[in-house]
C-alpha atoms as a PDB file:
ATOM      1  CA  MET A   1       0.078   0.039   0.154  1.00  0.00           C
ATOM      2  CA  SER A   2       1.629   3.781  -0.804  1.00  0.00           C
ATOM      3  CA  GLU A   3       2.236   5.030   2.117  1.00  0.00           C
ATOM      4  CA  PRO A   4       2.372   8.998   2.191  1.00  0.00           C
ATOM      5  CA  GLY A   5       5.355  10.653   1.240  1.00  0.00           C
ATOM      6  CA  LYS A   6       8.400  11.820   3.704  1.00  0.00           C
ATOM      7  CA  ASN A   7      10.115  15.259   3.402  1.00  0.00           C
ATOM      8  CA  THR A   8      13.084  15.405   5.620  1.00  0.00           C
ATOM      9  CA  GLU A   9      13.320  19.515   5.925  1.00  0.00           C
ATOM     10  CA  LEU A  10       9.298  19.210   6.605  1.00  0.00           C
ATOM     11  CA  GLU A  11       9.457  16.411   8.825  1.00  0.00           C
ATOM     12  CA  MET A  12      11.994  18.470  10.925  1.00  0.00           C
ATOM     13  CA  LEU A  13      10.268  21.135  11.090  1.00  0.00           C
ATOM     14  CA  LEU A  14       6.724  19.490  12.047  1.00  0.00           C
ATOM     15  CA  GLN A  15       8.596  17.798  15.024  1.00  0.00           C
ATOM     16  CA  GLN A  16      10.209  20.862  16.364  1.00  0.00           C
ATOM     17  CA  GLN A  17       7.609  23.305  18.936  1.00  0.00           C
ATOM     18  CA  PRO A  18       5.299  26.283  17.721  1.00  0.00           C
ATOM     19  CA  PRO A  19       5.682  28.567  16.854  1.00  0.00           C
ATOM     20  CA  ARG A  20       8.133  27.339  13.568  1.00  0.00           C
ATOM     21  CA  PRO A  21       9.757  28.368  10.458  1.00  0.00           C
ATOM     22  CA  VAL A  22       7.630  27.963   7.382  1.00  0.00           C
ATOM     23  CA  PRO A  23       9.773  27.033   5.104  1.00  0.00           C
ATOM     24  CA  LYS A  24       9.979  28.572   1.135  1.00  0.00           C
ATOM     25  CA  THR A  25       8.870  24.733   0.027  1.00  0.00           C
ATOM     26  CA  PHE A  26       5.919  24.788   2.419  1.00  0.00           C
ATOM     27  CA  LYS A  27       4.821  28.619   1.050  1.00  0.00           C
ATOM     28  CA  ASN A  28       5.005  27.374  -2.194  1.00  0.00           C
ATOM     29  CA  ALA A  29       3.012  24.234  -2.350  1.00  0.00           C
ATOM     30  CA  LEU A  30       0.586  26.178   0.031  1.00  0.00           C
ATOM     31  CA  LEU A  31       0.249  28.747  -2.985  1.00  0.00           C
ATOM     32  CA  LYS A  32      -0.038  26.369  -5.566  1.00  0.00           C
ATOM     33  CA  SER A  33      -2.777  24.432  -3.863  1.00  0.00           C
ATOM     34  CA  LEU A  34      -5.122  27.524  -3.719  1.00  0.00           C
ATOM     35  CA  LEU A  35      -4.490  28.145  -7.795  1.00  0.00           C
ATOM     36  CA  LEU A  36      -7.702  25.997  -7.637  1.00  0.00           C
ATOM     37  CA  PRO A  37     -10.052  27.181  -7.592  1.00  0.00           C
ATOM     38  CA  THR A  38      -9.773  31.036  -6.231  1.00  0.00           C
ATOM     39  CA  GLY A  39      -7.704  31.140  -9.642  1.00  0.00           C
ATOM     40  CA  ILE A  40     -10.711  29.791 -11.731  1.00  0.00           C
ATOM     41  CA  PHE A  41     -13.195  32.497  -9.599  1.00  0.00           C
ATOM     42  CA  PHE A  42     -10.088  35.257  -9.950  1.00  0.00           C
ATOM     43  CA  ALA A  43      -9.940  34.883 -14.086  1.00  0.00           C
ATOM     44  CA  ILE A  44     -14.028  34.859 -14.787  1.00  0.00           C
ATOM     45  CA  GLY A  45     -14.136  37.854 -12.753  1.00  0.00           C
ATOM     46  CA  PHE A  46     -11.759  39.761 -14.489  1.00  0.00           C
ATOM     47  CA  MET A  47     -12.836  38.527 -17.781  1.00  0.00           C
ATOM     48  CA  PHE A  48     -16.316  39.484 -16.689  1.00  0.00           C
ATOM     49  CA  THR A  49     -15.086  43.059 -15.194  1.00  0.00           C
ATOM     50  CA  LEU A  50     -13.308  43.992 -18.534  1.00  0.00           C
ATOM     51  CA  ALA A  51     -15.237  42.542 -20.841  1.00  0.00           C
ATOM     52  CA  GLY A  52     -18.808  45.074 -19.453  1.00  0.00           C
ATOM     53  CA  LEU A  53     -16.511  47.907 -19.064  1.00  0.00           C
ATOM     54  CA  ILE A  54     -14.927  47.955 -22.344  1.00  0.00           C
ATOM     55  CA  THR A  55     -19.013  46.844 -23.459  1.00  0.00           C
ATOM     56  CA  ILE A  56     -20.352  50.087 -21.565  1.00  0.00           C
ATOM     57  CA  GLY A  57     -17.433  52.295 -22.236  1.00  0.00           C
ATOM     58  CA  VAL A  58     -18.031  52.124 -25.638  1.00  0.00           C
ATOM     59  CA  PHE A  59     -21.968  51.664 -25.763  1.00  0.00           C
ATOM     60  CA  PHE A  60     -22.666  53.423 -22.515  1.00  0.00           C
ATOM     61  CA  PRO A  61     -25.805  56.742 -23.704  1.00  0.00           C
ATOM     62  CA  TRP A  62     -23.712  59.231 -22.718  1.00  0.00           C
ATOM     63  CA  GLN A  63     -25.691  61.801 -24.188  1.00  0.00           C
ATOM     64  CA  PHE A  64     -29.013  60.855 -21.924  1.00  0.00           C
ATOM     65  CA  PRO A  65     -28.678  63.927 -19.723  1.00  0.00           C
ATOM     66  CA  LYS A  66     -28.899  65.766 -23.554  1.00  0.00           C
ATOM     67  CA  GLU A  67     -31.543  63.604 -24.032  1.00  0.00           C
ATOM     68  CA  MET A  68     -33.370  64.047 -20.972  1.00  0.00           C
ATOM     69  CA  LYS A  69     -32.941  68.179 -21.883  1.00  0.00           C
ATOM     70  CA  LEU A  70     -34.372  67.878 -25.340  1.00  0.00           C
ATOM     71  CA  SER A  71     -37.139  65.526 -23.774  1.00  0.00           C
ATOM     72  CA  SER A  72     -38.175  67.861 -20.805  1.00  0.00           C
ATOM     73  CA  GLY A  73     -36.815  71.428 -21.894  1.00  0.00           C
ATOM     74  CA  ALA A  74     -38.298  75.074 -24.498  1.00  0.00           C
ATOM     75  CA  LYS A  75     -37.329  73.509 -28.299  1.00  0.00           C
ATOM     76  CA  SER A  76     -37.081  75.229 -31.355  1.00  0.00           C
ATOM     77  CA  ASN A  77     -37.305  73.648 -35.140  1.00  0.00           C
ATOM     78  CA  ALA A  78     -34.909  74.169 -37.825  1.00  0.00           C
ATOM     79  CA  LEU A  79     -34.295  71.991 -41.295  1.00  0.00           C
ATOM     80  CA  ALA A  80     -31.020  70.936 -41.920  1.00  0.00           C
ATOM     81  CA  THR A  81     -28.776  69.522 -44.184  1.00  0.00           C
ATOM     82  CA  VAL A  82     -27.691  66.177 -43.541  1.00  0.00           C
ATOM     83  CA  SER A  83     -23.552  66.115 -43.996  1.00  0.00           C
ATOM     84  CA  ALA A  84     -23.004  62.606 -44.019  1.00  0.00           C
ATOM     85  CA  CYS A  85     -24.126  59.283 -43.437  1.00  0.00           C
ATOM     86  CA  GLU A  86     -22.406  56.301 -41.210  1.00  0.00           C
ATOM     87  CA  SER A  87     -22.588  53.020 -40.600  1.00  0.00           C
ATOM     88  CA  THR A  88     -21.515  53.117 -37.076  1.00  0.00           C
ATOM     89  CA  GLY A  89     -21.364  48.847 -37.460  1.00  0.00           C
ATOM     90  CA  TYR A  90     -23.705  48.083 -34.513  1.00  0.00           C
ATOM     91  CA  GLU A  91     -26.551  46.701 -35.021  1.00  0.00           C
ATOM     92  CA  ASP A  92     -29.652  46.841 -33.204  1.00  0.00           C
ATOM     93  CA  ASN A  93     -32.910  44.362 -33.329  1.00  0.00           C
ATOM     94  CA  ASN A  94     -30.524  43.093 -36.661  1.00  0.00           C
ATOM     95  CA  SER A  95     -30.977  46.230 -37.941  1.00  0.00           C
ATOM     96  CA  GLN A  96     -27.694  48.134 -38.825  1.00  0.00           C
ATOM     97  CA  VAL A  97     -26.904  51.153 -36.951  1.00  0.00           C
ATOM     98  CA  TYR A  98     -26.563  55.063 -38.916  1.00  0.00           C
ATOM     99  CA  LYS A  99     -24.582  57.668 -37.600  1.00  0.00           C
ATOM    100  CA  ILE A 100     -26.500  60.832 -39.313  1.00  0.00           C
ATOM    101  CA  LYS A 101     -24.655  63.999 -39.072  1.00  0.00           C
ATOM    102  CA  TYR A 102     -25.957  67.667 -40.518  1.00  0.00           C
ATOM    103  CA  GLU A 103     -26.190  71.331 -40.193  1.00  0.00           C
ATOM    104  CA  PHE A 104     -28.242  73.673 -39.599  1.00  0.00           C
ATOM    105  CA  THR A 105     -28.096  77.151 -38.899  1.00  0.00           C
ATOM    106  CA  THR A 106     -30.376  79.740 -36.472  1.00  0.00           C
ATOM    107  CA  PRO A 107     -32.864  82.264 -36.894  1.00  0.00           C
ATOM    108  CA  ASP A 108     -29.528  84.787 -35.649  1.00  0.00           C
ATOM    109  CA  GLY A 109     -27.634  83.610 -38.736  1.00  0.00           C
ATOM    110  CA  LYS A 110     -25.378  81.236 -36.581  1.00  0.00           C
ATOM    111  CA  ALA A 111     -24.233  77.904 -38.049  1.00  0.00           C
ATOM    112  CA  HIS A 112     -24.536  74.541 -35.948  1.00  0.00           C
ATOM    113  CA  GLN A 113     -23.946  71.216 -36.241  1.00  0.00           C
ATOM    114  CA  GLY A 114     -24.742  67.767 -34.657  1.00  0.00           C
ATOM    115  CA  TYR A 115     -25.443  64.175 -34.584  1.00  0.00           C
ATOM    116  CA  SER A 116     -28.678  61.116 -34.273  1.00  0.00           C
ATOM    117  CA  TYR A 117     -28.626  57.655 -34.935  1.00  0.00           C
ATOM    118  CA  GLN A 118     -30.992  55.528 -36.132  1.00  0.00           C
ATOM    119  CA  ASP A 119     -31.304  51.796 -37.064  1.00  0.00           C
ATOM    120  CA  GLY A 120     -32.691  50.592 -40.453  1.00  0.00           C
ATOM    121  CA  GLY A 121     -31.532  52.602 -42.652  1.00  0.00           C
ATOM    122  CA  GLY A 122     -29.314  55.339 -43.513  1.00  0.00           C
ATOM    123  CA  VAL A 123     -30.064  59.353 -45.364  1.00  0.00           C
ATOM    124  CA  LEU A 124     -28.182  60.592 -47.773  1.00  0.00           C
ATOM    125  CA  GLN A 125     -26.060  63.206 -48.363  1.00  0.00           C
ATOM    126  CA  GLY A 126     -27.533  65.983 -48.529  1.00  0.00           C
ATOM    127  CA  SER A 127     -31.035  65.309 -47.888  1.00  0.00           C
ATOM    128  CA  LYS A 128     -33.618  67.565 -45.829  1.00  0.00           C
ATOM    129  CA  VAL A 129     -34.024  66.467 -42.275  1.00  0.00           C
ATOM    130  CA  GLN A 130     -36.538  68.177 -39.204  1.00  0.00           C
ATOM    131  CA  ILE A 131     -34.518  69.007 -36.287  1.00  0.00           C
ATOM    132  CA  GLU A 132     -35.498  69.918 -32.631  1.00  0.00           C
ATOM    133  CA  TYR A 133     -32.895  72.257 -30.758  1.00  0.00           C
ATOM    134  CA  LEU A 134     -32.533  73.221 -27.027  1.00  0.00           C
ATOM    135  CA  SER A 135     -33.361  76.928 -27.877  1.00  0.00           C
ATOM    136  CA  SER A 136     -30.868  78.828 -25.001  1.00  0.00           C
ATOM    137  CA  ASP A 137     -28.569  75.734 -26.085  1.00  0.00           C
ATOM    138  CA  PRO A 138     -28.772  75.026 -29.813  1.00  0.00           C
ATOM    139  CA  ASP A 139     -25.671  72.793 -29.985  1.00  0.00           C
ATOM    140  CA  THR A 140     -28.010  70.350 -27.964  1.00  0.00           C
ATOM    141  CA  SER A 141     -29.645  68.558 -30.988  1.00  0.00           C
ATOM    142  CA  ARG A 142     -30.902  65.804 -32.201  1.00  0.00           C
ATOM    143  CA  ILE A 143     -33.388  64.638 -35.691  1.00  0.00           C
ATOM    144  CA  MET A 144     -36.884  64.232 -34.893  1.00  0.00           C
ATOM    145  CA  GLY A 145     -37.575  60.811 -34.223  1.00  0.00           C
ATOM    146  CA  MET A 146     -34.107  59.542 -33.697  1.00  0.00           C
ATOM    147  CA  ARG A 147     -31.861  59.351 -30.819  1.00  0.00           C
ATOM    148  CA  LEU A 148     -28.316  60.841 -29.822  1.00  0.00           C
ATOM    149  CA  ASN A 149     -26.706  57.588 -28.742  1.00  0.00           C
ATOM    150  CA  PRO A 150     -26.006  54.786 -30.543  1.00  0.00           C
ATOM    151  CA  ALA A 151     -27.153  51.699 -28.069  1.00  0.00           C
ATOM    152  CA  GLY A 152     -30.060  53.199 -27.110  1.00  0.00           C
ATOM    153  CA  TYR A 153     -30.539  52.331 -23.219  1.00  0.00           C
ATOM    154  CA  PHE A 154     -31.087  49.033 -22.589  1.00  0.00           C
ATOM    155  CA  ILE A 155     -26.642  48.736 -22.929  1.00  0.00           C
ATOM    156  CA  VAL A 156     -27.339  49.859 -19.439  1.00  0.00           C
ATOM    157  CA  PHE A 157     -28.501  45.993 -18.720  1.00  0.00           C
ATOM    158  CA  PHE A 158     -24.367  45.435 -19.336  1.00  0.00           C
ATOM    159  CA  ALA A 159     -23.892  46.957 -16.219  1.00  0.00           C
ATOM    160  CA  ILE A 160     -24.271  44.167 -13.994  1.00  0.00           C
ATOM    161  CA  PHE A 161     -21.413  41.955 -15.681  1.00  0.00           C
ATOM    162  CA  PRO A 162     -18.857  44.183 -14.468  1.00  0.00           C
ATOM    163  CA  ILE A 163     -21.271  44.089 -11.022  1.00  0.00           C
ATOM    164  CA  ILE A 164     -20.950  40.121 -11.246  1.00  0.00           C
ATOM    165  CA  GLY A 165     -16.923  40.631 -11.906  1.00  0.00           C
ATOM    166  CA  LEU A 166     -15.645  43.193  -9.400  1.00  0.00           C
ATOM    167  CA  ALA A 167     -17.880  40.160  -6.632  1.00  0.00           C
ATOM    168  CA  LEU A 168     -16.374  37.687  -8.297  1.00  0.00           C
ATOM    169  CA  LEU A 169     -13.099  39.759  -8.008  1.00  0.00           C
ATOM    170  CA  ILE A 170     -13.788  40.624  -3.957  1.00  0.00           C
ATOM    171  CA  TYR A 171     -14.795  37.048  -3.289  1.00  0.00           C
ATOM    172  CA  ALA A 172     -10.971  35.561  -4.794  1.00  0.00           C
ATOM    173  CA  VAL A 173      -9.175  37.979  -3.114  1.00  0.00           C
ATOM    174  CA  ARG A 174     -10.334  37.649  -0.003  1.00  0.00           C
ATOM    175  CA  SER A 175     -10.515  33.583  -0.278  1.00  0.00           C
ATOM    176  CA  TRP A 176      -6.930  33.484  -0.949  1.00  0.00           C
ATOM    177  CA  ASN A 177      -5.975  35.788   1.145  1.00  0.00           C
ATOM    178  CA  ARG A 178      -7.923  33.572   4.299  1.00  0.00           C
ATOM    179  CA  LYS A 179      -7.031  31.106   3.114  1.00  0.00           C
ATOM    180  CA  TRP A 180      -2.985  32.013   2.502  1.00  0.00           C
ATOM    181  CA  ARG A 181      -3.162  33.525   6.791  1.00  0.00           C
ATOM    182  CA  THR A 182      -5.207  30.287   7.548  1.00  0.00           C
ATOM    183  CA  GLY A 183      -2.510  27.885   6.034  1.00  0.00           C
ATOM    184  CA  ILE A 184       0.689  30.011   7.569  1.00  0.00           C
ATOM    185  CA  ARG A 185      -1.458  30.170  10.708  1.00  0.00           C
ATOM    186  CA  VAL A 186      -1.826  26.658  11.786  1.00  0.00           C
ATOM    187  CA  PHE A 187       1.714  25.526   9.799  1.00  0.00           C
ATOM    188  CA  VAL A 188       3.299  28.643  12.222  1.00  0.00           C
ATOM    189  CA  ASN A 189       1.511  27.611  15.355  1.00  0.00           C
ATOM    190  CA  GLY A 190      -0.771  24.018  14.931  1.00  0.00           C
ATOM    191  CA  MET A 191      -0.384  20.937  16.786  1.00  0.00           C
ATOM    192  CA  LEU A 192       0.485  17.538  14.786  1.00  0.00           C
ATOM    193  CA  THR A 193      -2.378  15.088  14.978  1.00  0.00           C
ATOM    194  CA  GLN A 194      -3.350  11.973  12.880  1.00  0.00           C
ATOM    195  CA  GLY A 195      -6.750  11.842  11.291  1.00  0.00           C
ATOM    196  CA  ILE A 196      -7.953   8.964   8.114  1.00  0.00           C
ATOM    197  CA  VAL A 197      -9.434   9.288   4.765  1.00  0.00           C
ATOM    198  CA  LYS A 198     -13.692   9.726   5.441  1.00  0.00           C
ATOM    199  CA  SER A 199     -14.351   9.999   1.733  1.00  0.00           C
ATOM    200  CA  VAL A 200     -13.000  11.026  -1.628  1.00  0.00           C
ATOM    201  CA  ASN A 201     -16.161  12.763  -3.451  1.00  0.00           C
ATOM    202  CA  LYS A 202     -15.721  14.107  -7.480  1.00  0.00           C
ATOM    203  CA  SER A 203     -16.229  17.896  -8.706  1.00  0.00           C
ATOM    204  CA  LEU A 204     -17.685  19.439 -10.981  1.00  0.00           C
ATOM    205  CA  MET A 205     -14.403  20.759 -12.804  1.00  0.00           C
ATOM    206  CA  ASN A 206     -12.179  18.703 -14.254  1.00  0.00           C
ATOM    207  CA  VAL A 207      -8.327  20.073 -14.759  1.00  0.00           C
ATOM    208  CA  ASN A 208      -5.536  19.100 -17.752  1.00  0.00           C
ATOM    209  CA  ARG A 209      -9.596  17.063 -18.566  1.00  0.00           C
ATOM    210  CA  GLN A 210      -8.525  15.007 -15.432  1.00  0.00           C
ATOM    211  CA  PRO A 211     -11.416  15.222 -12.432  1.00  0.00           C
ATOM    212  CA  ARG A 212     -10.969  17.118  -9.555  1.00  0.00           C
ATOM    213  CA  TYR A 213     -12.127  15.650  -5.846  1.00  0.00           C
ATOM    214  CA  LYS A 214     -12.333  16.460  -3.000  1.00  0.00           C
ATOM    215  CA  ILE A 215     -10.997  14.921  -1.010  1.00  0.00           C
ATOM    216  CA  ILE A 216     -12.177  14.556   2.927  1.00  0.00           C
ATOM    217  CA  VAL A 217     -10.369  13.546   6.310  1.00  0.00           C
ATOM    218  CA  SER A 218     -11.106  13.528   9.604  1.00  0.00           C
ATOM    219  CA  TYR A 219      -8.899  14.020  12.477  1.00  0.00           C
ATOM    220  CA  GLN A 220     -10.177  14.226  16.615  1.00  0.00           C
ATOM    221  CA  GLU A 221     -13.548  15.441  16.638  1.00  0.00           C
ATOM    222  CA  PHE A 222     -13.379  17.403  13.658  1.00  0.00           C
ATOM    223  CA  GLU A 223     -13.351  17.227   9.279  1.00  0.00           C
ATOM    224  CA  THR A 224     -11.196  18.578   7.126  1.00  0.00           C
ATOM    225  CA  PHE A 225     -10.616  18.242   3.099  1.00  0.00           C
ATOM    226  CA  TYR A 226      -8.055  19.074  -0.015  1.00  0.00           C
ATOM    227  CA  TYR A 227      -8.195  18.869  -3.514  1.00  0.00           C
ATOM    228  CA  GLY A 228      -6.937  16.556  -5.580  1.00  0.00           C
ATOM    229  CA  ASN A 229      -7.040  15.316  -9.584  1.00  0.00           C
ATOM    230  CA  GLY A 230      -7.286  11.838 -10.072  1.00  0.00           C
ATOM    231  CA  ASP A 231      -4.421  10.508  -9.585  1.00  0.00           C
ATOM    232  CA  GLU A 232      -4.139  12.229  -5.906  1.00  0.00           C
ATOM    233  CA  ALA A 233      -7.619  10.495  -5.863  1.00  0.00           C
ATOM    234  CA  VAL A 234      -6.793   7.036  -6.388  1.00  0.00           C
ATOM    235  CA  ARG A 235      -4.398   7.475  -3.525  1.00  0.00           C
ATOM    236  CA  ALA A 236      -6.651   8.793  -1.512  1.00  0.00           C
ATOM    237  CA  SER A 237      -9.333   5.589  -1.991  1.00  0.00           C
ATOM    238  CA  LYS A 238      -5.981   3.100  -1.160  1.00  0.00           C
ATOM    239  CA  TRP A 239      -5.654   5.293   2.232  1.00  0.00           C
ATOM    240  CA  GLN A 240      -9.403   5.279   3.209  1.00  0.00           C
ATOM    241  CA  GLY A 241      -9.201   1.980   2.215  1.00  0.00           C
ATOM    242  CA  ALA A 242      -6.326   0.555   4.769  1.00  0.00           C
ATOM    243  CA  LYS A 243      -7.097   3.368   6.758  1.00  0.00           C
ATOM    244  CA  THR A 244      -3.890   5.502   6.933  1.00  0.00           C
ATOM    245  CA  PRO A 245      -2.689   7.292   9.125  1.00  0.00           C
ATOM    246  CA  LEU A 246      -2.658  10.989   7.787  1.00  0.00           C
ATOM    247  CA  ARG A 247      -0.758  14.317   9.032  1.00  0.00           C
ATOM    248  CA  VAL A 248      -2.992  16.981  10.355  1.00  0.00           C
ATOM    249  CA  LEU A 249      -2.317  20.779  11.317  1.00  0.00           C
ATOM    250  CA  TYR A 250      -4.947  22.091  13.528  1.00  0.00           C
ATOM    251  CA  ASP A 251      -5.111  25.415  15.085  1.00  0.00           C
ATOM    252  CA  PRO A 252      -5.284  24.296  18.991  1.00  0.00           C
ATOM    253  CA  GLU A 253      -7.433  28.030  19.410  1.00  0.00           C
ATOM    254  CA  LYS A 254      -9.330  27.024  16.529  1.00  0.00           C
ATOM    255  CA  PRO A 255      -9.092  23.342  15.658  1.00  0.00           C
ATOM    256  CA  GLU A 256     -12.112  23.405  13.090  1.00  0.00           C
ATOM    257  CA  ASP A 257      -8.947  25.323  11.256  1.00  0.00           C
ATOM    258  CA  ALA A 258      -6.761  22.852   9.888  1.00  0.00           C
ATOM    259  CA  ILE A 259      -4.488  21.360   6.708  1.00  0.00           C
ATOM    260  CA  VAL A 260      -3.606  18.183   6.058  1.00  0.00           C
ATOM    261  CA  VAL A 261       0.395  18.100   5.204  1.00  0.00           C
ATOM    262  CA  GLU A 262      -0.487  15.155   2.641  1.00  0.00           C
ATOM    263  CA  GLY A 263      -3.037  17.428   1.142  1.00  0.00           C
ATOM    264  CA  ILE A 264       0.017  20.609   0.225  1.00  0.00           C
ATOM    265  CA  ILE A 265       3.299  18.635   0.153  1.00  0.00           C
ATOM    266  CA  LYS A 266       2.320  16.019  -2.603  1.00  0.00           C
ATOM    267  CA  ASN A 267       5.244  13.728  -2.828  1.00  0.00           C
END
């Protein structure tokens, strides 16, 4: 039967009374053990946050205040000439969205420019269009029946993605920090006892096309766990069948905080 592996440096340190120094090999092994699943949560959170912020930054209705002013303020009308019509490359309900630029003159003889968006079709350059503008600020204008934002206001829905992403990032960072501090604290101040494998349960996650298992270890009247891949699960199942004792470090002041030495140092 395969016995838990031994590490001379680690064995000598574990025999010392706390507080004991933390070797670099243990820190590296602990760091590696924390990459999953906290690393996955961090990566997903980062992608959600980045994609959401980029989408909102590009399509957010930044002209919403002007839209509100045009909807509620005192307006005047004018006939404008279309100076350009450009495809934005964006589709709304499977219809191409166009940016229509125009020029118009107010009664005081001053020339003004503006633009509006619409989907479904463009407007020929040189065409005449009816526009509305704020009487107090002619530079705030739009073509009647069109909008000032390319994506309308549904894009606000995408704000949920960076919110979810930030929540996952915060969870991942806090989870990693908590587990790291617990692991270091238990190694420095922990007491050594023996535990046995209680169960080996397949999780929903695969790593390098290998299933990942949650290995539950019971010690004294408590339980702790660590994760392992297929080979480690096979080894743990053998330990379970043979009731092979494993080394468990636990915090005497908080016994439920523990680490399985074989779950960190995997020889």
